[in-house]
């Protein structure tokens, strides 16, 4: 009901991507023998390189759409 009031969709591509990235961070945590260091390094990398583009594409509604520039 909240998502309808705010105009959000819970099953958007960006949400699925965030879910996948969170699951991959959990795998890094388990492979790293429950050490938080590798997770911190991976999360910093995600925040610097991937998440800004996810936010931009989610905010503009252009997730998965290609521009048709000539």
PDB file of N, CA and C in Angstrom:
ATOM      1  N   UNK A   1       0.815  -1.179   0.000  1.00  0.00           N
ATOM      2  CA  UNK A   1       0.000   0.000   0.000  1.00  0.00           C
ATOM      3  C   UNK A   1       0.870   1.258   0.000  1.00  0.00           C
ATOM      4  N   UNK A   2       1.972   1.231   0.740  1.00  0.00           N
ATOM      5  CA  UNK A   2       2.858   2.389   0.787  1.00  0.00           C
ATOM      6  C   UNK A   2       3.457   2.658  -0.583  1.00  0.00           C
ATOM      7  N   UNK A   3       3.838   1.578  -1.291  1.00  0.00           N
ATOM      8  CA  UNK A   3       4.453   1.779  -2.602  1.00  0.00           C
ATOM      9  C   UNK A   3       3.483   2.410  -3.600  1.00  0.00           C
ATOM     10  N   UNK A   4       2.184   2.148  -3.458  1.00  0.00           N
ATOM     11  CA  UNK A   4       1.208   2.801  -4.332  1.00  0.00           C
ATOM     12  C   UNK A   4       1.096   4.279  -4.007  1.00  0.00           C
ATOM     13  N   UNK A   5       1.129   4.613  -2.732  1.00  0.00           N
ATOM     14  CA  UNK A   5       1.006   6.008  -2.334  1.00  0.00           C
ATOM     15  C   UNK A   5       2.206   6.827  -2.801  1.00  0.00           C
ATOM     16  N   UNK A   6       3.375   6.211  -2.807  1.00  0.00           N
ATOM     17  CA  UNK A   6       4.583   6.926  -3.216  1.00  0.00           C
ATOM     18  C   UNK A   6       4.885   6.762  -4.696  1.00  0.00           C
ATOM     19  N   UNK A   7       4.131   5.936  -5.383  1.00  0.00           N
ATOM     20  CA  UNK A   7       4.363   5.713  -6.803  1.00  0.00           C
ATOM     21  C   UNK A   7       5.562   4.828  -7.073  1.00  0.00           C
ATOM     22  N   UNK A   8       5.911   3.972  -6.138  1.00  0.00           N
ATOM     23  CA  UNK A   8       7.074   3.104  -6.292  1.00  0.00           C
ATOM     24  C   UNK A   8       6.659   1.692  -6.659  1.00  0.00           C
ATOM     25  N   UNK A   9       7.543   0.998  -7.331  1.00  0.00           N
ATOM     26  CA  UNK A   9       7.324  -0.414  -7.626  1.00  0.00           C
ATOM     27  C   UNK A   9       8.405  -1.208  -6.917  1.00  0.00           C
ATOM     28  N   UNK A  10       7.993  -2.195  -6.149  1.00  0.00           N
ATOM     29  CA  UNK A  10       8.958  -2.981  -5.395  1.00  0.00           C
ATOM     30  C   UNK A  10       9.683  -4.007  -6.266  1.00  0.00           C
ATOM     31  N   UNK A  11       9.168  -4.268  -7.439  1.00  0.00           N
ATOM     32  CA  UNK A  11       9.792  -5.278  -8.281  1.00  0.00           C
ATOM     33  C   UNK A  11      10.541  -4.640  -9.448  1.00  0.00           C
ATOM     34  N   UNK A  12      11.064  -3.453  -9.249  1.00  0.00           N
ATOM     35  CA  UNK A  12      11.776  -2.781 -10.331  1.00  0.00           C
ATOM     36  C   UNK A  12      13.131  -3.440 -10.547  1.00  0.00           C
ATOM     37  N   UNK A  13      13.720  -3.180 -11.672  1.00  0.00           N
ATOM     38  CA  UNK A  13      15.022  -3.762 -12.009  1.00  0.00           C
ATOM     39  C   UNK A  13      16.101  -3.295 -11.048  1.00  0.00           C
ATOM     40  N   UNK A  14      16.005  -2.061 -10.597  1.00  0.00           N
ATOM     41  CA  UNK A  14      16.999  -1.539  -9.657  1.00  0.00           C
ATOM     42  C   UNK A  14      16.922  -2.272  -8.315  1.00  0.00           C
ATOM     43  N   UNK A  15      15.723  -2.557  -7.872  1.00  0.00           N
ATOM     44  CA  UNK A  15      15.572  -3.296  -6.614  1.00  0.00           C
ATOM     45  C   UNK A  15      16.121  -4.708  -6.744  1.00  0.00           C
ATOM     46  N   UNK A  16      15.892  -5.332  -7.888  1.00  0.00           N
ATOM     47  CA  UNK A  16      16.444  -6.674  -8.096  1.00  0.00           C
ATOM     48  C   UNK A  16      17.964  -6.634  -8.132  1.00  0.00           C
ATOM     49  N   UNK A  17      18.538  -5.597  -8.730  1.00  0.00           N
ATOM     50  CA  UNK A  17      19.990  -5.462  -8.772  1.00  0.00           C
ATOM     51  C   UNK A  17      20.557  -5.264  -7.369  1.00  0.00           C
ATOM     52  N   UNK A  18      19.891  -4.459  -6.556  1.00  0.00           N
ATOM     53  CA  UNK A  18      20.342  -4.246  -5.179  1.00  0.00           C
ATOM     54  C   UNK A  18      20.244  -5.535  -4.364  1.00  0.00           C
ATOM     55  N   UNK A  19      19.199  -6.303  -4.601  1.00  0.00           N
ATOM     56  CA  UNK A  19      19.059  -7.588  -3.920  1.00  0.00           C
ATOM     57  C   UNK A  19      20.204  -8.521  -4.307  1.00  0.00           C
ATOM     58  N   UNK A  20      20.535  -8.553  -5.581  1.00  0.00           N
ATOM     59  CA  UNK A  20      21.637  -9.399  -6.052  1.00  0.00           C
ATOM     60  C   UNK A  20      22.961  -8.944  -5.452  1.00  0.00           C
ATOM     61  N   UNK A  21      23.203  -7.637  -5.419  1.00  0.00           N
ATOM     62  CA  UNK A  21      24.450  -7.135  -4.843  1.00  0.00           C
ATOM     63  C   UNK A  21      24.539  -7.442  -3.347  1.00  0.00           C
ATOM     64  N   UNK A  22      23.438  -7.335  -2.644  1.00  0.00           N
ATOM     65  CA  UNK A  22      23.425  -7.692  -1.224  1.00  0.00           C
ATOM     66  C   UNK A  22      23.715  -9.171  -1.005  1.00  0.00           C
ATOM     67  N   UNK A  23      23.154 -10.008  -1.868  1.00  0.00           N
ATOM     68  CA  UNK A  23      23.419 -11.449  -1.759  1.00  0.00           C
ATOM     69  C   UNK A  23      24.882 -11.742  -2.047  1.00  0.00           C
ATOM     70  N   UNK A  24      25.456 -11.036  -3.023  1.00  0.00           N
ATOM     71  CA  UNK A  24      26.875 -11.241  -3.321  1.00  0.00           C
ATOM     72  C   UNK A  24      27.764 -10.772  -2.168  1.00  0.00           C
ATOM     73  N   UNK A  25      27.377  -9.695  -1.492  1.00  0.00           N
ATOM     74  CA  UNK A  25      28.128  -9.269  -0.314  1.00  0.00           C
ATOM     75  C   UNK A  25      28.042 -10.310   0.804  1.00  0.00           C
ATOM     76  N   UNK A  26      26.904 -10.973   0.925  1.00  0.00           N
ATOM     77  CA  UNK A  26      26.769 -12.041   1.924  1.00  0.00           C
ATOM     78  C   UNK A  26      27.697 -13.207   1.584  1.00  0.00           C
ATOM     79  N   UNK A  27      27.817 -13.514   0.304  1.00  0.00           N
ATOM     80  CA  UNK A  27      28.730 -14.585  -0.121  1.00  0.00           C
ATOM     81  C   UNK A  27      30.176 -14.190   0.184  1.00  0.00           C
ATOM     82  N   UNK A  28      30.531 -12.922  -0.075  1.00  0.00           N
ATOM     83  CA  UNK A  28      31.881 -12.443   0.237  1.00  0.00           C
ATOM     84  C   UNK A  28      32.146 -12.576   1.734  1.00  0.00           C
ATOM     85  N   UNK A  29      31.158 -12.259   2.543  1.00  0.00           N
ATOM     86  CA  UNK A  29      31.294 -12.380   3.997  1.00  0.00           C
ATOM     87  C   UNK A  29      31.551 -13.830   4.414  1.00  0.00           C
ATOM     88  N   UNK A  30      30.824 -14.747   3.818  1.00  0.00           N
ATOM     89  CA  UNK A  30      31.000 -16.155   4.186  1.00  0.00           C
ATOM     90  C   UNK A  30      32.307 -16.720   3.650  1.00  0.00           C
ATOM     91  N   UNK A  31      32.676 -16.355   2.429  1.00  0.00           N
ATOM     92  CA  UNK A  31      33.939 -16.841   1.870  1.00  0.00           C
ATOM     93  C   UNK A  31      35.123 -16.247   2.633  1.00  0.00           C
ATOM     94  N   UNK A  32      34.970 -15.033   3.127  1.00  0.00           N
ATOM     95  CA  UNK A  32      36.027 -14.372   3.894  1.00  0.00           C
ATOM     96  C   UNK A  32      36.088 -14.836   5.333  1.00  0.00           C
ATOM     97  N   UNK A  33      35.512 -15.986   5.623  1.00  0.00           N
ATOM     98  CA  UNK A  33      35.506 -16.581   6.969  1.00  0.00           C
ATOM     99  C   UNK A  33      34.933 -15.614   7.996  1.00  0.00           C
ATOM    100  N   UNK A  34      33.833 -14.992   7.626  1.00  0.00           N
ATOM    101  CA  UNK A  34      33.075 -14.075   8.476  1.00  0.00           C
ATOM    102  C   UNK A  34      33.903 -12.895   8.961  1.00  0.00           C
ATOM    103  N   UNK A  35      34.826 -12.483   8.101  1.00  0.00           N
ATOM    104  CA  UNK A  35      35.599 -11.278   8.359  1.00  0.00           C
ATOM    105  C   UNK A  35      34.914 -10.118   7.634  1.00  0.00           C
ATOM    106  N   UNK A  36      34.811  -8.998   8.300  1.00  0.00           N
ATOM    107  CA  UNK A  36      34.077  -7.873   7.733  1.00  0.00           C
ATOM    108  C   UNK A  36      34.927  -7.057   6.767  1.00  0.00           C
ATOM    109  N   UNK A  37      36.244  -7.219   6.811  1.00  0.00           N
ATOM    110  CA  UNK A  37      37.155  -6.445   5.959  1.00  0.00           C
ATOM    111  C   UNK A  37      36.876  -6.578   4.470  1.00  0.00           C
ATOM    112  N   UNK A  38      36.767  -7.812   3.936  1.00  0.00           N
ATOM    113  CA  UNK A  38      36.466  -7.936   2.507  1.00  0.00           C
ATOM    114  C   UNK A  38      35.108  -7.343   2.124  1.00  0.00           C
ATOM    115  N   UNK A  39      34.148  -7.416   3.014  1.00  0.00           N
ATOM    116  CA  UNK A  39      32.828  -6.822   2.735  1.00  0.00           C
ATOM    117  C   UNK A  39      32.907  -5.309   2.676  1.00  0.00           C
ATOM    118  N   UNK A  40      33.692  -4.724   3.570  1.00  0.00           N
ATOM    119  CA  UNK A  40      33.854  -3.274   3.555  1.00  0.00           C
ATOM    120  C   UNK A  40      34.514  -2.830   2.256  1.00  0.00           C
ATOM    121  N   UNK A  41      35.566  -3.547   1.840  1.00  0.00           N
ATOM    122  CA  UNK A  41      36.261  -3.200   0.598  1.00  0.00           C
ATOM    123  C   UNK A  41      35.325  -3.350  -0.604  1.00  0.00           C
ATOM    124  N   UNK A  42      34.548  -4.429  -0.640  1.00  0.00           N
ATOM    125  CA  UNK A  42      33.618  -4.633  -1.751  1.00  0.00           C
ATOM    126  C   UNK A  42      32.525  -3.567  -1.749  1.00  0.00           C
ATOM    127  N   UNK A  43      32.042  -3.201  -0.588  1.00  0.00           N
ATOM    128  CA  UNK A  43      30.982  -2.198  -0.507  1.00  0.00           C
ATOM    129  C   UNK A  43      31.490  -0.824  -0.930  1.00  0.00           C
ATOM    130  N   UNK A  44      32.717  -0.492  -0.571  1.00  0.00           N
ATOM    131  CA  UNK A  44      33.301   0.778  -1.007  1.00  0.00           C
ATOM    132  C   UNK A  44      33.393   0.800  -2.531  1.00  0.00           C
ATOM    133  N   UNK A  45      33.822  -0.309  -3.116  1.00  0.00           N
ATOM    134  CA  UNK A  45      33.884  -0.394  -4.573  1.00  0.00           C
ATOM    135  C   UNK A  45      32.517  -0.218  -5.218  1.00  0.00           C
ATOM    136  N   UNK A  46      31.506  -0.855  -4.656  1.00  0.00           N
ATOM    137  CA  UNK A  46      30.147  -0.708  -5.186  1.00  0.00           C
ATOM    138  C   UNK A  46      29.658   0.731  -5.065  1.00  0.00           C
ATOM    139  N   UNK A  47      29.907   1.350  -3.912  1.00  0.00           N
ATOM    140  CA  UNK A  47      29.449   2.728  -3.701  1.00  0.00           C
ATOM    141  C   UNK A  47      30.134   3.708  -4.640  1.00  0.00           C
ATOM    142  N   UNK A  48      31.386   3.447  -4.959  1.00  0.00           N
ATOM    143  CA  UNK A  48      32.115   4.377  -5.814  1.00  0.00           C
ATOM    144  C   UNK A  48      31.786   4.228  -7.293  1.00  0.00           C
ATOM    145  N   UNK A  49      31.584   3.006  -7.751  1.00  0.00           N
ATOM    146  CA  UNK A  49      31.512   2.773  -9.187  1.00  0.00           C
ATOM    147  C   UNK A  49      30.137   2.360  -9.714  1.00  0.00           C
ATOM    148  N   UNK A  50      29.356   1.645  -8.938  1.00  0.00           N
ATOM    149  CA  UNK A  50      28.121   1.091  -9.481  1.00  0.00           C
ATOM    150  C   UNK A  50      26.864   1.810  -8.997  1.00  0.00           C
ATOM    151  N   UNK A  51      26.777   2.067  -7.718  1.00  0.00           N
ATOM    152  CA  UNK A  51      25.537   2.606  -7.171  1.00  0.00           C
ATOM    153  C   UNK A  51      25.158   3.996  -7.690  1.00  0.00           C
ATOM    154  N   UNK A  52      26.105   4.898  -7.973  1.00  0.00           N
ATOM    155  CA  UNK A  52      25.662   6.187  -8.536  1.00  0.00           C
ATOM    156  C   UNK A  52      24.889   6.016  -9.842  1.00  0.00           C
ATOM    157  N   UNK A  53      25.314   5.110 -10.687  1.00  0.00           N
ATOM    158  CA  UNK A  53      24.619   4.892 -11.958  1.00  0.00           C
ATOM    159  C   UNK A  53      23.281   4.204 -11.744  1.00  0.00           C
ATOM    160  N   UNK A  54      23.204   3.342 -10.734  1.00  0.00           N
ATOM    161  CA  UNK A  54      21.920   2.716 -10.419  1.00  0.00           C
ATOM    162  C   UNK A  54      20.922   3.768  -9.942  1.00  0.00           C
ATOM    163  N   UNK A  55      21.371   4.702  -9.131  1.00  0.00           N
ATOM    164  CA  UNK A  55      20.488   5.749  -8.622  1.00  0.00           C
ATOM    165  C   UNK A  55      20.026   6.660  -9.761  1.00  0.00           C
ATOM    166  N   UNK A  56      20.952   7.041 -10.623  1.00  0.00           N
ATOM    167  CA  UNK A  56      20.597   7.921 -11.741  1.00  0.00           C
ATOM    168  C   UNK A  56      19.583   7.243 -12.658  1.00  0.00           C
ATOM    169  N   UNK A  57      19.835   5.983 -13.001  1.00  0.00           N
ATOM    170  CA  UNK A  57      18.918   5.304 -13.919  1.00  0.00           C
ATOM    171  C   UNK A  57      17.572   5.019 -13.268  1.00  0.00           C
ATOM    172  N   UNK A  58      17.566   4.782 -11.969  1.00  0.00           N
ATOM    173  CA  UNK A  58      16.305   4.557 -11.283  1.00  0.00           C
ATOM    174  C   UNK A  58      15.499   5.853 -11.178  1.00  0.00           C
ATOM    175  N   UNK A  59      16.180   6.954 -10.897  1.00  0.00           N
ATOM    176  CA  UNK A  59      15.487   8.230 -10.746  1.00  0.00           C
ATOM    177  C   UNK A  59      14.942   8.748 -12.076  1.00  0.00           C
ATOM    178  N   UNK A  60      15.660   8.500 -13.158  1.00  0.00           N
ATOM    179  CA  UNK A  60      15.206   8.991 -14.461  1.00  0.00           C
ATOM    180  C   UNK A  60      14.261   8.028 -15.149  1.00  0.00           C
ATOM    181  N   UNK A  61      14.143   6.816 -14.624  1.00  0.00           N
ATOM    182  CA  UNK A  61      13.264   5.823 -15.235  1.00  0.00           C
ATOM    183  C   UNK A  61      13.826   5.207 -16.496  1.00  0.00           C
ATOM    184  N   UNK A  62      15.128   5.306 -16.669  1.00  0.00           N
ATOM    185  CA  UNK A  62      15.753   4.810 -17.896  1.00  0.00           C
ATOM    186  C   UNK A  62      16.466   3.482 -17.685  1.00  0.00           C
ATOM    187  N   UNK A  63      16.069   2.736 -16.693  1.00  0.00           N
ATOM    188  CA  UNK A  63      16.730   1.466 -16.409  1.00  0.00           C
ATOM    189  C   UNK A  63      16.466   0.492 -17.553  1.00  0.00           C
ATOM    190  N   UNK A  64      17.519   0.041 -18.200  1.00  0.00           N
ATOM    191  CA  UNK A  64      17.398  -0.938 -19.254  1.00  0.00           C
ATOM    192  C   UNK A  64      17.043  -0.372 -20.615  1.00  0.00           C
ATOM    193  N   UNK A  65      16.858   0.934 -20.711  1.00  0.00           N
ATOM    194  CA  UNK A  65      16.531   1.555 -21.987  1.00  0.00           C
ATOM    195  C   UNK A  65      17.812   2.116 -22.602  1.00  0.00           C
ATOM    196  N   UNK A  66      17.933   1.970 -23.871  1.00  0.00           N
ATOM    197  CA  UNK A  66      19.097   2.518 -24.571  1.00  0.00           C
ATOM    198  C   UNK A  66      18.685   3.797 -25.274  1.00  0.00           C
ATOM    199  N   UNK A  67      19.599   4.742 -25.234  1.00  0.00           N
ATOM    200  CA  UNK A  67      19.301   5.992 -25.940  1.00  0.00           C
ATOM    201  C   UNK A  67      19.535   5.789 -27.432  1.00  0.00           C
ATOM    202  N   UNK A  68      18.755   6.446 -28.225  1.00  0.00           N
ATOM    203  CA  UNK A  68      18.833   6.299 -29.673  1.00  0.00           C
ATOM    204  C   UNK A  68      19.467   7.555 -30.268  1.00  0.00           C
ATOM    205  N   UNK A  69      20.700   7.782 -29.935  1.00  0.00           N
ATOM    206  CA  UNK A  69      21.393   8.951 -30.467  1.00  0.00           C
ATOM    207  C   UNK A  69      21.923   8.644 -31.858  1.00  0.00           C
ATOM    208  N   UNK A  70      21.844   9.624 -32.717  1.00  0.00           N
ATOM    209  CA  UNK A  70      22.326   9.448 -34.084  1.00  0.00           C
ATOM    210  C   UNK A  70      23.779   9.788 -34.209  1.00  0.00           C
TER     211      UNK A  70
END
